Amino acid sequence: MTANEMPSEAVDWCKTMMDYSVTVPGGKLNRGVTVLAIYSTLTQAQHHKDLTNEEVAKASVPIQAFFFVADDVMDASKTRRGQPCWCQLPYVNKNCHQR
């Protein structure tokens, strides 16, 4: 994101959201495993190579975080795995409604 001239505040916001949304223990990991399996299959088919550790990390966290937040918003969820959903945090809710 920084390489694409994203403002540092936006980069920090995204990092915080991804850390908060993805690092909660107790999940089944279905989405993450599925994303990696598809990405690995497509990479093998198109480039005939295995994923690097960097590619695995780049594919896993942002997509997983997006699906969690989108799912919580669509379902109007209040909690995810025993903690408030990202979109329910007072700081997030306040800043999103100001835009």
PDB file of N, CA and C in Angstrom:
ATOM      1  N   MET A   1       0.825  -1.189   0.000  1.00  0.00           N
ATOM      2  CA  MET A   1       0.000   0.000   0.000  1.00  0.00           C
ATOM      3  C   MET A   1       0.868   1.251   0.000  1.00  0.00           C
ATOM      4  N   THR A   2       1.953   1.212   0.742  1.00  0.00           N
ATOM      5  CA  THR A   2       2.848   2.360   0.778  1.00  0.00           C
ATOM      6  C   THR A   2       3.457   2.591  -0.600  1.00  0.00           C
ATOM      7  N   ALA A   3       3.787   1.506  -1.301  1.00  0.00           N
ATOM      8  CA  ALA A   3       4.362   1.625  -2.644  1.00  0.00           C
ATOM      9  C   ALA A   3       3.380   2.281  -3.612  1.00  0.00           C
ATOM     10  N   ASN A   4       2.103   2.195  -3.326  1.00  0.00           N
ATOM     11  CA  ASN A   4       1.077   2.812  -4.169  1.00  0.00           C
ATOM     12  C   ASN A   4       0.666   4.191  -3.650  1.00  0.00           C
ATOM     13  N   GLU A   5       1.518   4.783  -2.811  1.00  0.00           N
ATOM     14  CA  GLU A   5       1.326   6.136  -2.283  1.00  0.00           C
ATOM     15  C   GLU A   5       0.075   6.288  -1.425  1.00  0.00           C
ATOM     16  N   MET A   6      -0.302   5.208  -0.747  1.00  0.00           N
ATOM     17  CA  MET A   6      -1.418   5.271   0.199  1.00  0.00           C
ATOM     18  C   MET A   6      -0.963   6.111   1.402  1.00  0.00           C
ATOM     19  N   PRO A   7      -1.786   7.013   1.883  1.00  0.00           N
ATOM     20  CA  PRO A   7      -1.403   7.816   3.050  1.00  0.00           C
ATOM     21  C   PRO A   7      -1.068   6.918   4.247  1.00  0.00           C
ATOM     22  N   SER A   8      -0.110   7.342   5.034  1.00  0.00           N
ATOM     23  CA  SER A   8       0.346   6.516   6.158  1.00  0.00           C
ATOM     24  C   SER A   8      -0.787   6.227   7.142  1.00  0.00           C
ATOM     25  N   GLU A   9      -1.728   7.167   7.313  1.00  0.00           N
ATOM     26  CA  GLU A   9      -2.860   6.929   8.221  1.00  0.00           C
ATOM     27  C   GLU A   9      -3.714   5.762   7.718  1.00  0.00           C
ATOM     28  N   ALA A  10      -3.899   5.678   6.400  1.00  0.00           N
ATOM     29  CA  ALA A  10      -4.690   4.585   5.820  1.00  0.00           C
ATOM     30  C   ALA A  10      -3.961   3.260   5.961  1.00  0.00           C
ATOM     31  N   VAL A  11      -2.650   3.268   5.765  1.00  0.00           N
ATOM     32  CA  VAL A  11      -1.859   2.045   5.931  1.00  0.00           C
ATOM     33  C   VAL A  11      -1.953   1.566   7.380  1.00  0.00           C
ATOM     34  N   ASP A  12      -1.791   2.483   8.330  1.00  0.00           N
ATOM     35  CA  ASP A  12      -1.886   2.129   9.750  1.00  0.00           C
ATOM     36  C   ASP A  12      -3.271   1.586  10.096  1.00  0.00           C
ATOM     37  N   TRP A  13      -4.314   2.228   9.559  1.00  0.00           N
ATOM     38  CA  TRP A  13      -5.695   1.796   9.804  1.00  0.00           C
ATOM     39  C   TRP A  13      -5.896   0.360   9.309  1.00  0.00           C
ATOM     40  N   CYS A  14      -5.425   0.091   8.105  1.00  0.00           N
ATOM     41  CA  CYS A  14      -5.571  -1.253   7.520  1.00  0.00           C
ATOM     42  C   CYS A  14      -4.789  -2.293   8.310  1.00  0.00           C
ATOM     43  N   LYS A  15      -3.583  -1.961   8.722  1.00  0.00           N
ATOM     44  CA  LYS A  15      -2.779  -2.892   9.521  1.00  0.00           C
ATOM     45  C   LYS A  15      -3.476  -3.209  10.843  1.00  0.00           C
ATOM     46  N   THR A  16      -3.989  -2.185  11.492  1.00  0.00           N
ATOM     47  CA  THR A  16      -4.685  -2.382  12.767  1.00  0.00           C
ATOM     48  C   THR A  16      -5.923  -3.251  12.577  1.00  0.00           C
ATOM     49  N   MET A  17      -6.688  -2.981  11.520  1.00  0.00           N
ATOM     50  CA  MET A  17      -7.888  -3.765  11.234  1.00  0.00           C
ATOM     51  C   MET A  17      -7.539  -5.222  10.962  1.00  0.00           C
ATOM     52  N   MET A  18      -6.496  -5.450  10.175  1.00  0.00           N
ATOM     53  CA  MET A  18      -6.109  -6.827   9.853  1.00  0.00           C
ATOM     54  C   MET A  18      -5.633  -7.562  11.096  1.00  0.00           C
ATOM     55  N   ASP A  19      -4.796  -6.902  11.912  1.00  0.00           N
ATOM     56  CA  ASP A  19      -4.326  -7.534  13.149  1.00  0.00           C
ATOM     57  C   ASP A  19      -5.490  -7.872  14.067  1.00  0.00           C
ATOM     58  N   TYR A  20      -6.407  -6.928  14.228  1.00  0.00           N
ATOM     59  CA  TYR A  20      -7.550  -7.140  15.131  1.00  0.00           C
ATOM     60  C   TYR A  20      -8.477  -8.237  14.617  1.00  0.00           C
ATOM     61  N   SER A  21      -8.741  -8.242  13.346  1.00  0.00           N
ATOM     62  CA  SER A  21      -9.738  -9.151  12.780  1.00  0.00           C
ATOM     63  C   SER A  21      -9.233 -10.568  12.573  1.00  0.00           C
ATOM     64  N   VAL A  22      -7.966 -10.731  12.278  1.00  0.00           N
ATOM     65  CA  VAL A  22      -7.448 -12.038  11.881  1.00  0.00           C
ATOM     66  C   VAL A  22      -6.774 -12.783  13.026  1.00  0.00           C
ATOM     67  N   THR A  23      -6.214 -12.081  13.991  1.00  0.00           N
ATOM     68  CA  THR A  23      -5.424 -12.760  15.016  1.00  0.00           C
ATOM     69  C   THR A  23      -6.233 -13.271  16.200  1.00  0.00           C
ATOM     70  N   VAL A  24      -7.543 -13.221  16.120  1.00  0.00           N
ATOM     71  CA  VAL A  24      -8.381 -13.740  17.199  1.00  0.00           C
ATOM     72  C   VAL A  24      -8.318 -15.271  17.165  1.00  0.00           C
ATOM     73  N   PRO A  25      -7.904 -15.890  18.260  1.00  0.00           N
ATOM     74  CA  PRO A  25      -7.799 -17.357  18.248  1.00  0.00           C
ATOM     75  C   PRO A  25      -9.163 -18.039  18.244  1.00  0.00           C
ATOM     76  N   GLY A  26      -9.182 -19.285  17.796  1.00  0.00           N
ATOM     77  CA  GLY A  26     -10.384 -20.094  17.899  1.00  0.00           C
ATOM     78  C   GLY A  26     -11.142 -20.319  16.617  1.00  0.00           C
ATOM     79  N   GLY A  27     -10.673 -19.795  15.525  1.00  0.00           N
ATOM     80  CA  GLY A  27     -11.382 -19.970  14.266  1.00  0.00           C
ATOM     81  C   GLY A  27     -11.109 -21.322  13.626  1.00  0.00           C
ATOM     82  N   LYS A  28     -11.960 -21.663  12.673  1.00  0.00           N
ATOM     83  CA  LYS A  28     -11.810 -22.935  11.949  1.00  0.00           C
ATOM     84  C   LYS A  28     -10.802 -22.823  10.821  1.00  0.00           C
ATOM     85  N   LEU A  29     -10.457 -21.610  10.438  1.00  0.00           N
ATOM     86  CA  LEU A  29      -9.490 -21.335   9.373  1.00  0.00           C
ATOM     87  C   LEU A  29      -9.977 -21.752   7.992  1.00  0.00           C
ATOM     88  N   ASN A  30     -11.273 -22.012   7.836  1.00  0.00           N
ATOM     89  CA  ASN A  30     -11.796 -22.447   6.534  1.00  0.00           C
ATOM     90  C   ASN A  30     -11.523 -21.447   5.423  1.00  0.00           C
ATOM     91  N   ARG A  31     -11.794 -20.169   5.672  1.00  0.00           N
ATOM     92  CA  ARG A  31     -11.588 -19.163   4.627  1.00  0.00           C
ATOM     93  C   ARG A  31     -10.116 -19.073   4.239  1.00  0.00           C
ATOM     94  N   GLY A  32      -9.256 -18.993   5.231  1.00  0.00           N
ATOM     95  CA  GLY A  32      -7.832 -18.869   4.958  1.00  0.00           C
ATOM     96  C   GLY A  32      -7.278 -20.055   4.206  1.00  0.00           C
ATOM     97  N   VAL A  33      -7.664 -21.246   4.603  1.00  0.00           N
ATOM     98  CA  VAL A  33      -7.199 -22.457   3.925  1.00  0.00           C
ATOM     99  C   VAL A  33      -7.723 -22.495   2.494  1.00  0.00           C
ATOM    100  N   THR A  34      -8.971 -22.110   2.305  1.00  0.00           N
ATOM    101  CA  THR A  34      -9.563 -22.111   0.965  1.00  0.00           C
ATOM    102  C   THR A  34      -8.877 -21.097   0.057  1.00  0.00           C
ATOM    103  N   VAL A  35      -8.652 -19.892   0.560  1.00  0.00           N
ATOM    104  CA  VAL A  35      -7.977 -18.861  -0.229  1.00  0.00           C
ATOM    105  C   VAL A  35      -6.593 -19.342  -0.656  1.00  0.00           C
ATOM    106  N   LEU A  36      -5.838 -19.900   0.289  1.00  0.00           N
ATOM    107  CA  LEU A  36      -4.491 -20.366  -0.049  1.00  0.00           C
ATOM    108  C   LEU A  36      -4.513 -21.528  -1.030  1.00  0.00           C
ATOM    109  N   ALA A  37      -5.464 -22.432  -0.883  1.00  0.00           N
ATOM    110  CA  ALA A  37      -5.563 -23.565  -1.803  1.00  0.00           C
ATOM    111  C   ALA A  37      -5.858 -23.086  -3.225  1.00  0.00           C
ATOM    112  N   ILE A  38      -6.764 -22.140  -3.358  1.00  0.00           N
ATOM    113  CA  ILE A  38      -7.107 -21.613  -4.678  1.00  0.00           C
ATOM    114  C   ILE A  38      -5.933 -20.843  -5.270  1.00  0.00           C
ATOM    115  N   TYR A  39      -5.321 -19.996  -4.474  1.00  0.00           N
ATOM    116  CA  TYR A  39      -4.188 -19.208  -4.942  1.00  0.00           C
ATOM    117  C   TYR A  39      -3.034 -20.119  -5.363  1.00  0.00           C
ATOM    118  N   SER A  40      -2.771 -21.143  -4.563  1.00  0.00           N
ATOM    119  CA  SER A  40      -1.712 -22.098  -4.881  1.00  0.00           C
ATOM    120  C   SER A  40      -2.016 -22.847  -6.181  1.00  0.00           C
ATOM    121  N   THR A  41      -3.243 -23.272  -6.345  1.00  0.00           N
ATOM    122  CA  THR A  41      -3.646 -23.989  -7.560  1.00  0.00           C
ATOM    123  C   THR A  41      -3.502 -23.099  -8.792  1.00  0.00           C
ATOM    124  N   LEU A  42      -3.953 -21.844  -8.694  1.00  0.00           N
ATOM    125  CA  LEU A  42      -3.840 -20.923  -9.822  1.00  0.00           C
ATOM    126  C   LEU A  42      -2.378 -20.603 -10.144  1.00  0.00           C
ATOM    127  N   THR A  43      -1.567 -20.433  -9.118  1.00  0.00           N
ATOM    128  CA  THR A  43      -0.149 -20.157  -9.329  1.00  0.00           C
ATOM    129  C   THR A  43       0.532 -21.332 -10.008  1.00  0.00           C
ATOM    130  N   GLN A  44       0.203 -22.550  -9.557  1.00  0.00           N
ATOM    131  CA  GLN A  44       0.764 -23.748 -10.189  1.00  0.00           C
ATOM    132  C   GLN A  44       0.338 -23.834 -11.654  1.00  0.00           C
ATOM    133  N   ALA A  45      -0.932 -23.590 -11.923  1.00  0.00           N
ATOM    134  CA  ALA A  45      -1.455 -23.712 -13.287  1.00  0.00           C
ATOM    135  C   ALA A  45      -0.872 -22.648 -14.220  1.00  0.00           C
ATOM    136  N   GLN A  46      -0.708 -21.430 -13.711  1.00  0.00           N
ATOM    137  CA  GLN A  46      -0.257 -20.337 -14.572  1.00  0.00           C
ATOM    138  C   GLN A  46       1.259 -20.179 -14.630  1.00  0.00           C
ATOM    139  N   HIS A  47       1.926 -20.438 -13.504  1.00  0.00           N
ATOM    140  CA  HIS A  47       3.365 -20.145 -13.436  1.00  0.00           C
ATOM    141  C   HIS A  47       4.219 -21.382 -13.132  1.00  0.00           C
ATOM    142  N   HIS A  48       3.581 -22.523 -12.897  1.00  0.00           N
ATOM    143  CA  HIS A  48       4.280 -23.786 -12.628  1.00  0.00           C
ATOM    144  C   HIS A  48       5.284 -23.655 -11.475  1.00  0.00           C
ATOM    145  N   LYS A  49       4.830 -23.032 -10.389  1.00  0.00           N
ATOM    146  CA  LYS A  49       5.702 -22.883  -9.220  1.00  0.00           C
ATOM    147  C   LYS A  49       4.877 -22.896  -7.944  1.00  0.00           C
ATOM    148  N   ASP A  50       5.545 -23.197  -6.843  1.00  0.00           N
ATOM    149  CA  ASP A  50       4.906 -23.154  -5.536  1.00  0.00           C
ATOM    150  C   ASP A  50       4.913 -21.717  -5.015  1.00  0.00           C
ATOM    151  N   LEU A  51       4.024 -21.442  -4.071  1.00  0.00           N
ATOM    152  CA  LEU A  51       3.979 -20.120  -3.455  1.00  0.00           C
ATOM    153  C   LEU A  51       5.185 -19.917  -2.543  1.00  0.00           C
ATOM    154  N   THR A  52       5.707 -18.710  -2.532  1.00  0.00           N
ATOM    155  CA  THR A  52       6.760 -18.365  -1.582  1.00  0.00           C
ATOM    156  C   THR A  52       6.101 -18.017  -0.243  1.00  0.00           C
ATOM    157  N   ASN A  53       6.883 -17.953   0.815  1.00  0.00           N
ATOM    158  CA  ASN A  53       6.343 -17.555   2.119  1.00  0.00           C
ATOM    159  C   ASN A  53       5.737 -16.158   2.056  1.00  0.00           C
ATOM    160  N   GLU A  54       6.368 -15.273   1.295  1.00  0.00           N
ATOM    161  CA  GLU A  54       5.847 -13.907   1.152  1.00  0.00           C
ATOM    162  C   GLU A  54       4.496 -13.905   0.444  1.00  0.00           C
ATOM    163  N   GLU A  55       4.349 -14.720  -0.591  1.00  0.00           N
ATOM    164  CA  GLU A  55       3.076 -14.803  -1.309  1.00  0.00           C
ATOM    165  C   GLU A  55       1.975 -15.372  -0.414  1.00  0.00           C
ATOM    166  N   VAL A  56       2.327 -16.340   0.400  1.00  0.00           N
ATOM    167  CA  VAL A  56       1.350 -16.919   1.335  1.00  0.00           C
ATOM    168  C   VAL A  56       0.871 -15.838   2.306  1.00  0.00           C
ATOM    169  N   ALA A  57       1.804 -15.076   2.856  1.00  0.00           N
ATOM    170  CA  ALA A  57       1.441 -14.019   3.808  1.00  0.00           C
ATOM    171  C   ALA A  57       0.598 -12.936   3.144  1.00  0.00           C
ATOM    172  N   LYS A  58       0.984 -12.534   1.939  1.00  0.00           N
ATOM    173  CA  LYS A  58       0.240 -11.483   1.240  1.00  0.00           C
ATOM    174  C   LYS A  58      -1.175 -11.923   0.876  1.00  0.00           C
ATOM    175  N   ALA A  59      -1.361 -13.204   0.610  1.00  0.00           N
ATOM    176  CA  ALA A  59      -2.692 -13.702   0.244  1.00  0.00           C
ATOM    177  C   ALA A  59      -3.561 -13.942   1.464  1.00  0.00           C
ATOM    178  N   SER A  60      -2.976 -14.342   2.548  1.00  0.00           N
ATOM    179  CA  SER A  60      -3.741 -14.796   3.713  1.00  0.00           C
ATOM    180  C   SER A  60      -4.394 -13.674   4.500  1.00  0.00           C
ATOM    181  N   VAL A  61      -3.616 -12.775   4.996  1.00  0.00           N
ATOM    182  CA  VAL A  61      -4.108 -11.801   5.968  1.00  0.00           C
ATOM    183  C   VAL A  61      -5.122 -10.819   5.392  1.00  0.00           C
ATOM    184  N   PRO A  62      -4.834 -10.114   4.294  1.00  0.00           N
ATOM    185  CA  PRO A  62      -5.817  -9.120   3.811  1.00  0.00           C
ATOM    186  C   PRO A  62      -7.150  -9.734   3.403  1.00  0.00           C
ATOM    187  N   ILE A  63      -7.114 -10.855   2.721  1.00  0.00           N
ATOM    188  CA  ILE A  63      -8.368 -11.480   2.266  1.00  0.00           C
ATOM    189  C   ILE A  63      -9.165 -11.969   3.467  1.00  0.00           C
ATOM    190  N   GLN A  64      -8.487 -12.610   4.407  1.00  0.00           N
ATOM    191  CA  GLN A  64      -9.151 -13.112   5.610  1.00  0.00           C
ATOM    192  C   GLN A  64      -9.795 -11.952   6.373  1.00  0.00           C
ATOM    193  N   ALA A  65      -9.059 -10.873   6.558  1.00  0.00           N
ATOM    194  CA  ALA A  65      -9.593  -9.717   7.285  1.00  0.00           C
ATOM    195  C   ALA A  65     -10.799  -9.136   6.555  1.00  0.00           C
ATOM    196  N   PHE A  66     -10.698  -9.008   5.244  1.00  0.00           N
ATOM    197  CA  PHE A  66     -11.819  -8.478   4.461  1.00  0.00           C
ATOM    198  C   PHE A  66     -13.066  -9.331   4.656  1.00  0.00           C
ATOM    199  N   PHE A  67     -12.919 -10.660   4.550  1.00  0.00           N
ATOM    200  CA  PHE A  67     -14.083 -11.536   4.687  1.00  0.00           C
ATOM    201  C   PHE A  67     -14.698 -11.440   6.080  1.00  0.00           C
ATOM    202  N   PHE A  68     -13.873 -11.362   7.112  1.00  0.00           N
ATOM    203  CA  PHE A  68     -14.404 -11.242   8.469  1.00  0.00           C
ATOM    204  C   PHE A  68     -15.196  -9.956   8.641  1.00  0.00           C
ATOM    205  N   VAL A  69     -14.614  -8.838   8.243  1.00  0.00           N
ATOM    206  CA  VAL A  69     -15.286  -7.549   8.420  1.00  0.00           C
ATOM    207  C   VAL A  69     -16.548  -7.485   7.567  1.00  0.00           C
ATOM    208  N   ALA A  70     -16.454  -7.913   6.313  1.00  0.00           N
ATOM    209  CA  ALA A  70     -17.631  -7.892   5.434  1.00  0.00           C
ATOM    210  C   ALA A  70     -18.743  -8.780   5.984  1.00  0.00           C
ATOM    211  N   ASP A  71     -18.389  -9.957   6.461  1.00  0.00           N
ATOM    212  CA  ASP A  71     -19.374 -10.878   7.023  1.00  0.00           C
ATOM    213  C   ASP A  71     -20.047 -10.269   8.248  1.00  0.00           C
ATOM    214  N   ASP A  72     -19.265  -9.646   9.111  1.00  0.00           N
ATOM    215  CA  ASP A  72     -19.821  -9.029  10.319  1.00  0.00           C
ATOM    216  C   ASP A  72     -20.745  -7.862   9.980  1.00  0.00           C
ATOM    217  N   VAL A  73     -20.376  -7.074   8.979  1.00  0.00           N
ATOM    218  CA  VAL A  73     -21.227  -5.947   8.571  1.00  0.00           C
ATOM    219  C   VAL A  73     -22.529  -6.467   7.974  1.00  0.00           C
ATOM    220  N   MET A  74     -22.441  -7.438   7.069  1.00  0.00           N
ATOM    221  CA  MET A  74     -23.652  -7.970   6.421  1.00  0.00           C
ATOM    222  C   MET A  74     -24.596  -8.633   7.415  1.00  0.00           C
ATOM    223  N   ASP A  75     -24.025  -9.309   8.407  1.00  0.00           N
ATOM    224  CA  ASP A  75     -24.847  -9.996   9.407  1.00  0.00           C
ATOM    225  C   ASP A  75     -25.223  -9.102  10.580  1.00  0.00           C
ATOM    226  N   ALA A  76     -24.724  -7.879  10.598  1.00  0.00           N
ATOM    227  CA  ALA A  76     -24.915  -6.958  11.720  1.00  0.00           C
ATOM    228  C   ALA A  76     -24.461  -7.606  13.027  1.00  0.00           C
ATOM    229  N   SER A  77     -23.357  -8.336  12.945  1.00  0.00           N
ATOM    230  CA  SER A  77     -22.821  -9.032  14.116  1.00  0.00           C
ATOM    231  C   SER A  77     -22.284  -8.039  15.133  1.00  0.00           C
ATOM    232  N   LYS A  78     -22.396  -8.393  16.375  1.00  0.00           N
ATOM    233  CA  LYS A  78     -21.863  -7.572  17.465  1.00  0.00           C
ATOM    234  C   LYS A  78     -20.513  -8.102  17.933  1.00  0.00           C
ATOM    235  N   THR A  79     -20.336  -9.419  17.900  1.00  0.00           N
ATOM    236  CA  THR A  79     -19.088 -10.016  18.372  1.00  0.00           C
ATOM    237  C   THR A  79     -18.584 -11.063  17.378  1.00  0.00           C
ATOM    238  N   ARG A  80     -17.304 -11.310  17.447  1.00  0.00           N
ATOM    239  CA  ARG A  80     -16.670 -12.394  16.702  1.00  0.00           C
ATOM    240  C   ARG A  80     -15.723 -13.072  17.681  1.00  0.00           C
ATOM    241  N   ARG A  81     -15.986 -14.341  17.926  1.00  0.00           N
ATOM    242  CA  ARG A  81     -15.170 -15.145  18.841  1.00  0.00           C
ATOM    243  C   ARG A  81     -14.976 -14.474  20.198  1.00  0.00           C
ATOM    244  N   GLY A  82     -16.071 -13.941  20.731  1.00  0.00           N
ATOM    245  CA  GLY A  82     -16.053 -13.419  22.092  1.00  0.00           C
ATOM    246  C   GLY A  82     -15.537 -12.001  22.267  1.00  0.00           C
ATOM    247  N   GLN A  83     -15.205 -11.327  21.184  1.00  0.00           N
ATOM    248  CA  GLN A  83     -14.787  -9.932  21.309  1.00  0.00           C
ATOM    249  C   GLN A  83     -15.596  -9.096  20.324  1.00  0.00           C
ATOM    250  N   PRO A  84     -15.698  -7.794  20.564  1.00  0.00           N
ATOM    251  CA  PRO A  84     -16.473  -6.962  19.637  1.00  0.00           C
ATOM    252  C   PRO A  84     -15.923  -7.053  18.215  1.00  0.00           C
ATOM    253  N   CYS A  85     -16.817  -7.065  17.253  1.00  0.00           N
ATOM    254  CA  CYS A  85     -16.406  -7.033  15.847  1.00  0.00           C
ATOM    255  C   CYS A  85     -15.685  -5.716  15.584  1.00  0.00           C
ATOM    256  N   TRP A  86     -14.825  -5.709  14.590  1.00  0.00           N
ATOM    257  CA  TRP A  86     -14.088  -4.500  14.217  1.00  0.00           C
ATOM    258  C   TRP A  86     -15.033  -3.319  14.029  1.00  0.00           C
ATOM    259  N   CYS A  87     -16.118  -3.539  13.298  1.00  0.00           N
ATOM    260  CA  CYS A  87     -17.037  -2.432  12.988  1.00  0.00           C
ATOM    261  C   CYS A  87     -17.835  -1.970  14.202  1.00  0.00           C
ATOM    262  N   GLN A  88     -17.778  -2.715  15.320  1.00  0.00           N
ATOM    263  CA  GLN A  88     -18.485  -2.326  16.535  1.00  0.00           C
ATOM    264  C   GLN A  88     -17.598  -1.563  17.512  1.00  0.00           C
ATOM    265  N   LEU A  89     -16.290  -1.520  17.249  1.00  0.00           N
ATOM    266  CA  LEU A  89     -15.401  -0.792  18.149  1.00  0.00           C
ATOM    267  C   LEU A  89     -15.755   0.692  18.107  1.00  0.00           C
ATOM    268  N   PRO A  90     -15.846   1.347  19.271  1.00  0.00           N
ATOM    269  CA  PRO A  90     -16.249   2.758  19.294  1.00  0.00           C
ATOM    270  C   PRO A  90     -15.377   3.642  18.398  1.00  0.00           C
ATOM    271  N   TYR A  91     -14.076   3.439  18.408  1.00  0.00           N
ATOM    272  CA  TYR A  91     -13.172   4.251  17.586  1.00  0.00           C
ATOM    273  C   TYR A  91     -13.469   4.059  16.104  1.00  0.00           C
ATOM    274  N   VAL A  92     -13.696   2.829  15.692  1.00  0.00           N
ATOM    275  CA  VAL A  92     -13.966   2.539  14.283  1.00  0.00           C
ATOM    276  C   VAL A  92     -15.320   3.096  13.881  1.00  0.00           C
ATOM    277  N   ASN A  93     -16.320   2.823  14.675  1.00  0.00           N
ATOM    278  CA  ASN A  93     -17.673   3.264  14.392  1.00  0.00           C
ATOM    279  C   ASN A  93     -17.727   4.787  14.274  1.00  0.00           C
ATOM    280  N   LYS A  94     -17.072   5.491  15.208  1.00  0.00           N
ATOM    281  CA  LYS A  94     -17.063   6.945  15.202  1.00  0.00           C
ATOM    282  C   LYS A  94     -16.376   7.480  13.946  1.00  0.00           C
ATOM    283  N   ASN A  95     -15.220   6.940  13.606  1.00  0.00           N
ATOM    284  CA  ASN A  95     -14.483   7.425  12.438  1.00  0.00           C
ATOM    285  C   ASN A  95     -15.155   7.083  11.128  1.00  0.00           C
ATOM    286  N   CYS A  96     -15.808   5.958  11.054  1.00  0.00           N
ATOM    287  CA  CYS A  96     -16.495   5.584   9.810  1.00  0.00           C
ATOM    288  C   CYS A  96     -17.697   6.476   9.545  1.00  0.00           C
ATOM    289  N   HIS A  97     -18.409   6.873  10.586  1.00  0.00           N
ATOM    290  CA  HIS A  97     -19.589   7.697  10.406  1.00  0.00           C
ATOM    291  C   HIS A  97     -19.259   9.170  10.157  1.00  0.00           C
ATOM    292  N   GLN A  98     -18.006   9.576  10.422  1.00  0.00           N
ATOM    293  CA  GLN A  98     -17.610  10.951  10.177  1.00  0.00           C
ATOM    294  C   GLN A  98     -17.249  11.177   8.718  1.00  0.00           C
ATOM    295  N   ARG A  99     -17.024  10.111   7.970  1.00  0.00           N
ATOM    296  CA  ARG A  99     -16.554  10.244   6.577  1.00  0.00           C
ATOM    297  C   ARG A  99     -17.680  10.424   5.621  1.00  0.00           C
TER     298      ARG A  99
END
